[in-house]
N, C-alpha and C. Protein backbone atom coordinates (compact mmCIF):
# COMPACT_ATOMS: atom_id res chain seq x y z
N MET A 1 178.33 -50.42 0.10
CA MET A 1 179.36 -50.72 1.06
C MET A 1 179.73 -49.45 1.81
N LYS A 2 179.79 -49.56 3.14
CA LYS A 2 180.13 -48.43 4.01
C LYS A 2 181.59 -48.50 4.41
N VAL A 3 182.33 -47.45 4.10
CA VAL A 3 183.76 -47.40 4.39
C VAL A 3 184.03 -46.26 5.37
N LEU A 4 184.79 -46.57 6.41
CA LEU A 4 185.23 -45.54 7.35
C LEU A 4 186.67 -45.17 7.02
N VAL A 5 186.91 -43.87 6.84
CA VAL A 5 188.26 -43.35 6.72
C VAL A 5 188.51 -42.59 8.02
N ALA A 6 189.32 -43.19 8.89
CA ALA A 6 189.63 -42.60 10.19
C ALA A 6 191.07 -42.09 10.16
N TYR A 7 191.31 -40.96 10.80
CA TYR A 7 192.64 -40.36 10.72
C TYR A 7 192.99 -39.61 12.00
N ALA A 8 194.29 -39.33 12.14
CA ALA A 8 194.79 -38.43 13.18
C ALA A 8 195.84 -37.55 12.51
N SER A 9 195.75 -36.26 12.76
CA SER A 9 196.62 -35.29 12.11
C SER A 9 196.96 -34.19 13.09
N ARG A 10 198.21 -33.78 13.10
CA ARG A 10 198.62 -32.68 13.98
C ARG A 10 198.42 -31.32 13.35
N HIS A 11 198.88 -31.17 12.11
CA HIS A 11 198.85 -29.86 11.45
C HIS A 11 197.98 -29.84 10.20
N GLY A 12 197.33 -30.95 9.89
CA GLY A 12 196.42 -30.96 8.76
C GLY A 12 196.89 -31.71 7.52
N ALA A 13 198.16 -32.04 7.41
CA ALA A 13 198.65 -32.73 6.20
C ALA A 13 198.05 -34.13 6.08
N THR A 14 198.02 -34.86 7.18
CA THR A 14 197.45 -36.21 7.15
C THR A 14 195.94 -36.15 6.94
N LYS A 15 195.31 -35.17 7.55
CA LYS A 15 193.87 -34.97 7.32
C LYS A 15 193.61 -34.75 5.83
N GLY A 16 194.47 -33.98 5.18
CA GLY A 16 194.32 -33.74 3.74
C GLY A 16 194.42 -35.03 2.94
N ILE A 17 195.33 -35.91 3.33
CA ILE A 17 195.44 -37.20 2.64
C ILE A 17 194.18 -38.02 2.87
N ALA A 18 193.70 -38.07 4.10
CA ALA A 18 192.48 -38.81 4.41
C ALA A 18 191.29 -38.26 3.62
N GLU A 19 191.22 -36.94 3.51
CA GLU A 19 190.13 -36.33 2.72
C GLU A 19 190.21 -36.74 1.26
N ARG A 20 191.41 -36.76 0.70
CA ARG A 20 191.57 -37.13 -0.71
C ARG A 20 191.21 -38.60 -0.93
N VAL A 21 191.59 -39.46 0.00
CA VAL A 21 191.22 -40.88 -0.09
C VAL A 21 189.70 -41.00 -0.03
N ALA A 22 189.08 -40.32 0.93
CA ALA A 22 187.62 -40.38 1.07
C ALA A 22 186.92 -39.86 -0.19
N GLN A 23 187.38 -38.75 -0.74
CA GLN A 23 186.78 -38.20 -1.96
C GLN A 23 186.90 -39.17 -3.12
N THR A 24 188.04 -39.81 -3.25
CA THR A 24 188.25 -40.78 -4.34
C THR A 24 187.29 -41.95 -4.19
N LEU A 25 187.15 -42.46 -2.98
CA LEU A 25 186.24 -43.58 -2.75
C LEU A 25 184.79 -43.18 -3.03
N GLU A 26 184.42 -41.99 -2.60
CA GLU A 26 183.05 -41.50 -2.83
C GLU A 26 182.76 -41.32 -4.32
N ARG A 27 183.72 -40.76 -5.06
CA ARG A 27 183.53 -40.56 -6.51
C ARG A 27 183.28 -41.90 -7.20
N ARG A 28 183.79 -42.96 -6.64
CA ARG A 28 183.64 -44.29 -7.23
C ARG A 28 182.42 -45.03 -6.67
N GLY A 29 181.56 -44.30 -5.95
CA GLY A 29 180.27 -44.85 -5.55
C GLY A 29 180.20 -45.51 -4.18
N LEU A 30 181.24 -45.39 -3.38
CA LEU A 30 181.19 -45.98 -2.05
C LEU A 30 180.64 -44.97 -1.04
N ALA A 31 179.94 -45.48 -0.04
CA ALA A 31 179.44 -44.64 1.05
C ALA A 31 180.57 -44.48 2.06
N VAL A 32 181.05 -43.25 2.23
CA VAL A 32 182.24 -43.01 3.03
C VAL A 32 181.94 -42.07 4.19
N THR A 33 182.49 -42.42 5.34
CA THR A 33 182.48 -41.53 6.50
C THR A 33 183.92 -41.18 6.80
N LEU A 34 184.20 -39.89 6.89
CA LEU A 34 185.53 -39.38 7.24
C LEU A 34 185.44 -38.88 8.67
N GLU A 35 186.31 -39.41 9.55
CA GLU A 35 186.20 -39.06 10.97
C GLU A 35 187.56 -39.13 11.65
N GLN A 36 187.78 -38.25 12.61
CA GLN A 36 188.99 -38.33 13.42
C GLN A 36 188.94 -39.65 14.20
N ALA A 37 190.05 -40.34 14.25
CA ALA A 37 190.10 -41.67 14.86
C ALA A 37 189.61 -41.68 16.30
N ASP A 38 189.91 -40.66 17.05
CA ASP A 38 189.51 -40.64 18.45
C ASP A 38 188.04 -40.25 18.65
N ARG A 39 187.34 -39.96 17.58
CA ARG A 39 185.92 -39.60 17.68
C ARG A 39 184.98 -40.68 17.12
N VAL A 40 185.55 -41.75 16.59
CA VAL A 40 184.75 -42.80 15.97
C VAL A 40 184.02 -43.60 17.04
N ARG A 41 182.74 -43.78 16.83
CA ARG A 41 181.91 -44.63 17.68
C ARG A 41 181.31 -45.71 16.78
N GLN A 42 181.13 -46.87 17.28
CA GLN A 42 180.49 -47.98 16.57
C GLN A 42 181.20 -48.35 15.26
N ALA A 43 182.45 -48.64 15.36
CA ALA A 43 183.23 -49.03 14.18
C ALA A 43 182.66 -50.29 13.54
N GLU A 44 182.04 -51.13 14.32
CA GLU A 44 181.51 -52.40 13.80
C GLU A 44 180.39 -52.21 12.77
N THR A 45 179.90 -51.00 12.60
CA THR A 45 178.84 -50.76 11.61
C THR A 45 179.38 -50.55 10.20
N TYR A 46 180.72 -50.54 10.03
CA TYR A 46 181.33 -50.31 8.73
C TYR A 46 181.77 -51.63 8.09
N ASP A 47 181.81 -51.62 6.77
CA ASP A 47 182.20 -52.81 6.00
C ASP A 47 183.70 -52.85 5.69
N ALA A 48 184.37 -51.69 5.72
CA ALA A 48 185.79 -51.61 5.40
C ALA A 48 186.37 -50.37 6.08
N PHE A 49 187.70 -50.38 6.24
CA PHE A 49 188.37 -49.31 6.97
C PHE A 49 189.64 -48.87 6.28
N VAL A 50 189.86 -47.55 6.29
CA VAL A 50 191.14 -46.96 5.92
C VAL A 50 191.52 -46.11 7.12
N VAL A 51 192.68 -46.40 7.73
CA VAL A 51 193.10 -45.69 8.93
C VAL A 51 194.45 -45.05 8.64
N GLY A 52 194.52 -43.72 8.83
CA GLY A 52 195.76 -43.02 8.54
C GLY A 52 196.15 -42.05 9.63
N GLY A 53 197.43 -42.03 9.91
CA GLY A 53 197.92 -41.12 10.93
C GLY A 53 199.27 -40.55 10.58
N CYS A 54 199.55 -39.43 11.20
CA CYS A 54 200.86 -38.83 11.05
C CYS A 54 201.87 -39.66 11.85
N ALA A 55 203.11 -39.59 11.45
CA ALA A 55 204.18 -40.28 12.18
C ALA A 55 205.24 -39.26 12.59
N TYR A 56 205.62 -39.34 13.83
CA TYR A 56 206.67 -38.50 14.38
C TYR A 56 207.62 -39.38 15.17
N MET A 57 208.91 -39.19 14.94
CA MET A 57 209.93 -39.94 15.68
C MET A 57 209.67 -41.46 15.59
N PHE A 58 209.30 -41.90 14.38
CA PHE A 58 209.09 -43.32 14.07
C PHE A 58 207.86 -43.93 14.73
N HIS A 59 207.00 -43.11 15.29
CA HIS A 59 205.79 -43.63 15.92
C HIS A 59 204.55 -43.05 15.24
N TRP A 60 203.55 -43.91 15.05
CA TRP A 60 202.28 -43.54 14.45
C TRP A 60 201.47 -42.77 15.48
N ALA A 61 200.58 -41.92 15.02
CA ALA A 61 199.73 -41.13 15.91
C ALA A 61 199.03 -42.05 16.92
N ARG A 62 199.14 -41.71 18.18
CA ARG A 62 198.57 -42.59 19.22
C ARG A 62 197.07 -42.76 19.09
N GLU A 63 196.38 -41.74 18.52
CA GLU A 63 194.93 -41.87 18.35
C GLU A 63 194.60 -43.00 17.38
N CYS A 64 195.43 -43.16 16.35
CA CYS A 64 195.21 -44.24 15.38
C CYS A 64 195.55 -45.59 15.97
N THR A 65 196.67 -45.64 16.68
CA THR A 65 197.06 -46.90 17.32
C THR A 65 195.97 -47.34 18.30
N ALA A 66 195.47 -46.42 19.10
CA ALA A 66 194.40 -46.73 20.06
C ALA A 66 193.13 -47.16 19.34
N PHE A 67 192.80 -46.49 18.23
CA PHE A 67 191.61 -46.86 17.46
C PHE A 67 191.71 -48.30 16.96
N VAL A 68 192.85 -48.66 16.39
CA VAL A 68 193.02 -50.01 15.85
C VAL A 68 192.96 -51.03 16.99
N ARG A 69 193.62 -50.78 18.08
CA ARG A 69 193.60 -51.72 19.22
C ARG A 69 192.18 -51.86 19.78
N ARG A 70 191.49 -50.75 19.94
CA ARG A 70 190.15 -50.75 20.52
C ARG A 70 189.14 -51.47 19.62
N ASN A 71 189.36 -51.40 18.31
CA ASN A 71 188.41 -51.97 17.35
C ASN A 71 189.01 -53.16 16.60
N GLU A 72 189.95 -53.81 17.21
CA GLU A 72 190.68 -54.92 16.58
C GLU A 72 189.75 -55.96 15.96
N HIS A 73 188.72 -56.37 16.66
CA HIS A 73 187.85 -57.43 16.15
C HIS A 73 187.08 -57.00 14.90
N ALA A 74 186.61 -55.78 14.87
CA ALA A 74 185.90 -55.28 13.69
C ALA A 74 186.85 -55.16 12.50
N LEU A 75 188.04 -54.62 12.73
CA LEU A 75 188.99 -54.42 11.64
C LEU A 75 189.56 -55.73 11.12
N ALA A 76 189.83 -56.67 12.02
CA ALA A 76 190.43 -57.94 11.61
C ALA A 76 189.48 -58.75 10.73
N GLY A 77 188.19 -58.54 10.90
CA GLY A 77 187.21 -59.31 10.13
C GLY A 77 186.75 -58.64 8.86
N ARG A 78 187.31 -57.48 8.55
CA ARG A 78 186.88 -56.72 7.38
C ARG A 78 188.10 -56.15 6.65
N PRO A 79 187.93 -55.78 5.37
CA PRO A 79 189.06 -55.20 4.63
C PRO A 79 189.53 -53.91 5.32
N THR A 80 190.84 -53.86 5.57
CA THR A 80 191.43 -52.72 6.27
C THR A 80 192.72 -52.32 5.57
N TRP A 81 192.93 -51.02 5.48
CA TRP A 81 194.16 -50.45 4.93
C TRP A 81 194.70 -49.44 5.94
N LEU A 82 196.02 -49.37 6.08
CA LEU A 82 196.66 -48.42 6.98
C LEU A 82 197.59 -47.52 6.18
N PHE A 83 197.64 -46.24 6.56
CA PHE A 83 198.64 -45.37 5.95
C PHE A 83 199.22 -44.44 6.99
N SER A 84 200.40 -43.97 6.68
CA SER A 84 201.11 -43.04 7.53
C SER A 84 201.66 -41.93 6.65
N SER A 85 201.74 -40.74 7.23
CA SER A 85 202.41 -39.65 6.51
C SER A 85 203.45 -39.06 7.43
N GLY A 86 204.49 -38.55 6.84
CA GLY A 86 205.48 -37.95 7.70
C GLY A 86 206.81 -37.64 7.07
N PRO A 87 207.37 -38.54 6.23
CA PRO A 87 208.68 -38.16 5.71
C PRO A 87 208.57 -36.85 4.94
N LEU A 88 209.60 -36.05 5.07
CA LEU A 88 209.60 -34.75 4.40
C LEU A 88 210.63 -34.76 3.29
N GLY A 89 210.34 -34.03 2.24
CA GLY A 89 211.24 -33.96 1.10
C GLY A 89 210.75 -34.86 -0.02
N THR A 90 211.61 -35.06 -0.99
CA THR A 90 211.24 -35.90 -2.13
C THR A 90 212.23 -37.03 -2.37
N ASP A 91 213.28 -37.09 -1.57
CA ASP A 91 214.29 -38.14 -1.75
C ASP A 91 213.73 -39.49 -1.29
N LEU A 92 213.85 -40.48 -2.14
CA LEU A 92 213.39 -41.84 -1.81
C LEU A 92 214.45 -42.64 -1.06
N VAL A 93 215.67 -42.13 -1.06
CA VAL A 93 216.78 -42.78 -0.37
C VAL A 93 217.44 -41.76 0.55
N ASP A 94 217.74 -42.17 1.78
CA ASP A 94 218.37 -41.23 2.71
C ASP A 94 219.88 -41.16 2.49
N GLU A 95 220.55 -40.37 3.30
CA GLU A 95 221.99 -40.15 3.12
C GLU A 95 222.82 -41.41 3.35
N LYS A 96 222.23 -42.42 3.98
CA LYS A 96 222.93 -43.70 4.19
C LYS A 96 222.56 -44.74 3.14
N GLY A 97 221.77 -44.33 2.13
CA GLY A 97 221.39 -45.24 1.06
C GLY A 97 220.21 -46.13 1.37
N ARG A 98 219.47 -45.81 2.43
CA ARG A 98 218.32 -46.62 2.84
C ARG A 98 217.03 -46.07 2.23
N ASP A 99 216.09 -46.95 1.96
CA ASP A 99 214.78 -46.58 1.42
C ASP A 99 214.01 -45.79 2.49
N VAL A 100 213.65 -44.56 2.18
CA VAL A 100 212.96 -43.68 3.13
C VAL A 100 211.61 -44.27 3.55
N MET A 101 210.93 -44.92 2.63
CA MET A 101 209.62 -45.47 2.97
C MET A 101 209.73 -46.66 3.92
N VAL A 102 210.86 -47.29 3.96
CA VAL A 102 211.09 -48.39 4.91
C VAL A 102 211.55 -47.83 6.25
N THR A 103 212.47 -46.89 6.23
CA THR A 103 213.02 -46.37 7.49
C THR A 103 212.04 -45.49 8.26
N THR A 104 211.01 -44.95 7.58
CA THR A 104 210.04 -44.10 8.28
C THR A 104 208.76 -44.84 8.62
N ARG A 105 208.74 -46.14 8.37
CA ARG A 105 207.57 -46.96 8.70
C ARG A 105 207.38 -46.93 10.22
N PRO A 106 206.17 -46.57 10.68
CA PRO A 106 205.94 -46.50 12.13
C PRO A 106 206.18 -47.85 12.81
N LYS A 107 206.78 -47.78 13.98
CA LYS A 107 207.10 -48.99 14.75
C LYS A 107 205.85 -49.80 15.08
N GLU A 108 204.71 -49.15 15.22
CA GLU A 108 203.48 -49.83 15.59
C GLU A 108 202.91 -50.71 14.47
N PHE A 109 203.34 -50.48 13.22
CA PHE A 109 202.74 -51.22 12.10
C PHE A 109 202.92 -52.73 12.21
N ASP A 110 204.03 -53.20 12.74
CA ASP A 110 204.21 -54.65 12.87
C ASP A 110 203.16 -55.24 13.81
N GLU A 111 203.01 -54.64 14.98
CA GLU A 111 202.03 -55.12 15.95
C GLU A 111 200.61 -55.04 15.37
N LEU A 112 200.28 -53.92 14.77
CA LEU A 112 198.92 -53.73 14.26
C LEU A 112 198.65 -54.66 13.08
N ALA A 113 199.65 -54.93 12.27
CA ALA A 113 199.47 -55.87 11.15
C ALA A 113 199.15 -57.26 11.69
N GLU A 114 199.78 -57.65 12.79
CA GLU A 114 199.47 -58.93 13.42
C GLU A 114 198.04 -58.97 13.93
N ARG A 115 197.57 -57.86 14.41
CA ARG A 115 196.23 -57.80 15.00
C ARG A 115 195.11 -57.78 13.94
N VAL A 116 195.29 -56.98 12.87
CA VAL A 116 194.17 -56.77 11.95
C VAL A 116 194.41 -57.22 10.51
N HIS A 117 195.62 -57.63 10.19
CA HIS A 117 195.95 -58.14 8.85
C HIS A 117 195.48 -57.20 7.74
N PRO A 118 196.05 -55.98 7.70
CA PRO A 118 195.62 -55.02 6.67
C PRO A 118 195.97 -55.51 5.27
N ARG A 119 195.17 -55.09 4.31
CA ARG A 119 195.43 -55.42 2.91
C ARG A 119 196.68 -54.72 2.41
N ASP A 120 196.96 -53.53 2.96
CA ASP A 120 198.15 -52.78 2.57
C ASP A 120 198.48 -51.79 3.68
N GLN A 121 199.76 -51.45 3.75
CA GLN A 121 200.26 -50.42 4.65
C GLN A 121 201.10 -49.49 3.79
N ARG A 122 200.75 -48.23 3.74
CA ARG A 122 201.42 -47.31 2.83
C ARG A 122 201.98 -46.12 3.60
N ILE A 123 203.13 -45.66 3.18
CA ILE A 123 203.75 -44.45 3.73
C ILE A 123 203.69 -43.38 2.64
N PHE A 124 203.20 -42.20 3.00
CA PHE A 124 203.15 -41.07 2.07
C PHE A 124 204.02 -39.93 2.63
N PHE A 125 204.62 -39.18 1.73
CA PHE A 125 205.33 -37.98 2.15
C PHE A 125 204.33 -37.01 2.76
N GLY A 126 204.80 -36.20 3.68
CA GLY A 126 203.94 -35.25 4.37
C GLY A 126 204.23 -33.82 3.97
N ALA A 127 203.90 -32.92 4.87
CA ALA A 127 204.12 -31.49 4.66
C ALA A 127 204.56 -30.88 5.98
N TRP A 128 205.33 -29.81 5.87
CA TRP A 128 205.76 -29.12 7.08
C TRP A 128 205.90 -27.64 6.81
N ASP A 129 205.27 -26.87 7.69
CA ASP A 129 205.35 -25.42 7.65
C ASP A 129 206.11 -24.98 8.90
N PRO A 130 207.34 -24.51 8.75
CA PRO A 130 208.12 -24.13 9.93
C PRO A 130 207.50 -22.98 10.72
N GLY A 131 206.57 -22.27 10.11
CA GLY A 131 205.92 -21.17 10.81
C GLY A 131 204.69 -21.59 11.59
N ALA A 132 204.29 -22.86 11.48
CA ALA A 132 203.11 -23.35 12.18
C ALA A 132 203.38 -23.43 13.69
N LYS A 133 202.35 -23.19 14.46
CA LYS A 133 202.47 -23.26 15.91
C LYS A 133 202.82 -24.70 16.30
N PRO A 134 203.85 -24.89 17.15
CA PRO A 134 204.24 -26.24 17.54
C PRO A 134 203.15 -26.94 18.34
N VAL A 135 203.04 -28.25 18.11
CA VAL A 135 202.09 -29.08 18.84
C VAL A 135 202.90 -30.10 19.62
N GLY A 136 202.77 -30.12 20.91
CA GLY A 136 203.47 -31.10 21.72
C GLY A 136 204.85 -30.64 22.15
N LEU A 137 205.36 -31.33 23.14
CA LEU A 137 206.65 -31.00 23.75
C LEU A 137 207.80 -31.11 22.76
N MET A 138 207.83 -32.17 21.96
CA MET A 138 208.95 -32.37 21.03
C MET A 138 209.03 -31.24 20.00
N GLU A 139 207.88 -30.84 19.45
CA GLU A 139 207.90 -29.75 18.47
C GLU A 139 208.34 -28.44 19.11
N ARG A 140 207.92 -28.19 20.34
CA ARG A 140 208.37 -26.97 21.03
C ARG A 140 209.88 -27.01 21.26
N PHE A 141 210.38 -28.18 21.64
CA PHE A 141 211.81 -28.35 21.87
C PHE A 141 212.61 -28.12 20.59
N VAL A 142 212.15 -28.73 19.47
CA VAL A 142 212.83 -28.56 18.17
C VAL A 142 212.79 -27.09 17.76
N GLY A 143 211.69 -26.41 18.07
CA GLY A 143 211.57 -24.99 17.73
C GLY A 143 212.61 -24.12 18.42
N LEU A 144 213.14 -24.60 19.53
CA LEU A 144 214.17 -23.86 20.26
C LEU A 144 215.56 -24.12 19.72
N MET A 145 215.66 -25.09 18.80
CA MET A 145 216.96 -25.46 18.25
C MET A 145 216.99 -25.10 16.77
N PRO A 146 217.47 -23.90 16.43
CA PRO A 146 217.45 -23.47 15.03
C PRO A 146 218.12 -24.45 14.06
N ALA A 147 219.20 -25.10 14.47
CA ALA A 147 219.89 -26.03 13.57
C ALA A 147 218.98 -27.21 13.21
N ALA A 148 218.27 -27.74 14.19
CA ALA A 148 217.37 -28.86 13.95
C ALA A 148 216.18 -28.41 13.10
N LYS A 149 215.64 -27.26 13.44
CA LYS A 149 214.49 -26.74 12.71
C LYS A 149 214.84 -26.47 11.24
N ASN A 150 216.02 -25.92 11.00
CA ASN A 150 216.43 -25.60 9.64
C ASN A 150 216.86 -26.84 8.84
N ALA A 151 217.13 -27.94 9.53
CA ALA A 151 217.56 -29.17 8.85
C ALA A 151 216.38 -29.88 8.17
N MET A 152 215.16 -29.58 8.60
CA MET A 152 213.99 -30.23 8.01
C MET A 152 213.50 -29.41 6.82
N PRO A 153 213.26 -30.09 5.68
CA PRO A 153 212.77 -29.34 4.51
C PRO A 153 211.34 -28.87 4.71
N ALA A 154 211.10 -27.63 4.41
CA ALA A 154 209.76 -27.06 4.52
C ALA A 154 209.04 -27.20 3.19
N GLY A 155 207.74 -27.43 3.27
CA GLY A 155 206.93 -27.50 2.06
C GLY A 155 205.92 -28.63 2.11
N ASP A 156 205.16 -28.75 1.04
CA ASP A 156 204.14 -29.79 0.91
C ASP A 156 204.68 -30.83 -0.07
N PHE A 157 204.97 -32.02 0.43
CA PHE A 157 205.59 -33.06 -0.38
C PHE A 157 204.61 -34.21 -0.67
N ARG A 158 203.33 -34.00 -0.36
CA ARG A 158 202.35 -35.06 -0.61
C ARG A 158 202.21 -35.31 -2.11
N ASP A 159 202.21 -36.57 -2.49
CA ASP A 159 202.13 -36.99 -3.89
C ASP A 159 200.67 -37.34 -4.18
N TRP A 160 199.90 -36.35 -4.61
CA TRP A 160 198.47 -36.54 -4.81
C TRP A 160 198.14 -37.63 -5.83
N PRO A 161 198.83 -37.73 -6.96
CA PRO A 161 198.53 -38.83 -7.88
C PRO A 161 198.77 -40.21 -7.24
N ALA A 162 199.82 -40.35 -6.44
CA ALA A 162 200.08 -41.63 -5.78
C ALA A 162 199.01 -41.92 -4.74
N ILE A 163 198.55 -40.91 -4.04
CA ILE A 163 197.50 -41.09 -3.03
C ILE A 163 196.20 -41.51 -3.70
N GLU A 164 195.85 -40.83 -4.81
CA GLU A 164 194.62 -41.19 -5.52
C GLU A 164 194.71 -42.59 -6.14
N ALA A 165 195.88 -42.94 -6.66
CA ALA A 165 196.06 -44.28 -7.23
C ALA A 165 195.90 -45.35 -6.16
N TRP A 166 196.42 -45.09 -4.97
CA TRP A 166 196.26 -46.03 -3.86
C TRP A 166 194.78 -46.20 -3.51
N ALA A 167 194.06 -45.08 -3.45
CA ALA A 167 192.62 -45.13 -3.15
C ALA A 167 191.87 -45.87 -4.25
N GLU A 168 192.26 -45.67 -5.50
CA GLU A 168 191.63 -46.41 -6.61
C GLU A 168 191.86 -47.92 -6.46
N GLY A 169 193.04 -48.29 -5.98
CA GLY A 169 193.32 -49.70 -5.72
C GLY A 169 192.41 -50.27 -4.64
N ILE A 170 192.11 -49.46 -3.64
CA ILE A 170 191.18 -49.88 -2.59
C ILE A 170 189.80 -50.13 -3.19
N VAL A 171 189.35 -49.21 -4.04
CA VAL A 171 188.06 -49.37 -4.71
C VAL A 171 188.04 -50.68 -5.50
N SER A 172 189.07 -50.94 -6.26
CA SER A 172 189.14 -52.16 -7.08
C SER A 172 189.05 -53.40 -6.21
N GLU A 173 189.79 -53.42 -5.11
CA GLU A 173 189.75 -54.59 -4.22
C GLU A 173 188.37 -54.79 -3.61
N LEU A 174 187.75 -53.69 -3.19
CA LEU A 174 186.42 -53.81 -2.59
C LEU A 174 185.39 -54.28 -3.61
N ARG A 175 185.50 -53.79 -4.82
CA ARG A 175 184.56 -54.24 -5.88
C ARG A 175 184.77 -55.71 -6.21
N MET A 176 186.03 -56.14 -6.28
CA MET A 176 186.31 -57.54 -6.55
C MET A 176 185.76 -58.43 -5.45
N GLN A 177 185.91 -57.99 -4.21
CA GLN A 177 185.38 -58.74 -3.08
C GLN A 177 183.87 -58.84 -3.16
N ALA A 178 183.21 -57.74 -3.55
CA ALA A 178 181.75 -57.74 -3.66
C ALA A 178 181.29 -58.70 -4.74
N VAL A 179 182.00 -58.75 -5.86
CA VAL A 179 181.65 -59.67 -6.95
C VAL A 179 181.84 -61.11 -6.50
N THR A 180 182.94 -61.37 -5.81
CA THR A 180 183.21 -62.72 -5.32
C THR A 180 182.16 -63.16 -4.32
N ALA A 181 181.76 -62.27 -3.44
CA ALA A 181 180.76 -62.57 -2.42
C ALA A 181 179.40 -62.83 -3.04
N ALA A 182 179.09 -62.14 -4.15
CA ALA A 182 177.80 -62.30 -4.82
C ALA A 182 177.73 -63.59 -5.64
N SER A 183 178.87 -64.16 -5.95
CA SER A 183 178.90 -65.36 -6.79
C SER A 183 178.52 -66.61 -6.03
């Protein structure tokens, strides 16, 4: 089975998650291609998809959104999983008592779920280095506002065991599907 892990990442944290997912799938015997979402050609040649992007200001990386829209027919007809990274810190509940994984869900996920019917949509904590060169207008703007910049927790908050467990779940589903198809 050929699996495409497509991703979009600004500073590398989401790429790291995509790499870990791809490595987990490969260790379990799947043929995996890891590729930036905007560089993927011929998506229809894959049997399954994992698409992950960074989220900023409640929006998923536009490269991932464009990839899913452009390849809607291929993804809708095959097992597909979506993930997003972005919330910073380790708190599961925000200051208003809301679930962080719900409030940071990219706005595009509802539309894309209607289009491709993913098996799962997962949000993972991200990473932020305040010393990294800003990417895009919003990051440059925030960099000029010390109060806003200092309000965001710095560090790597990715939960590697949770990411690997999610990837193992993908392997299990794909294997079950293969057994069912062979019967």
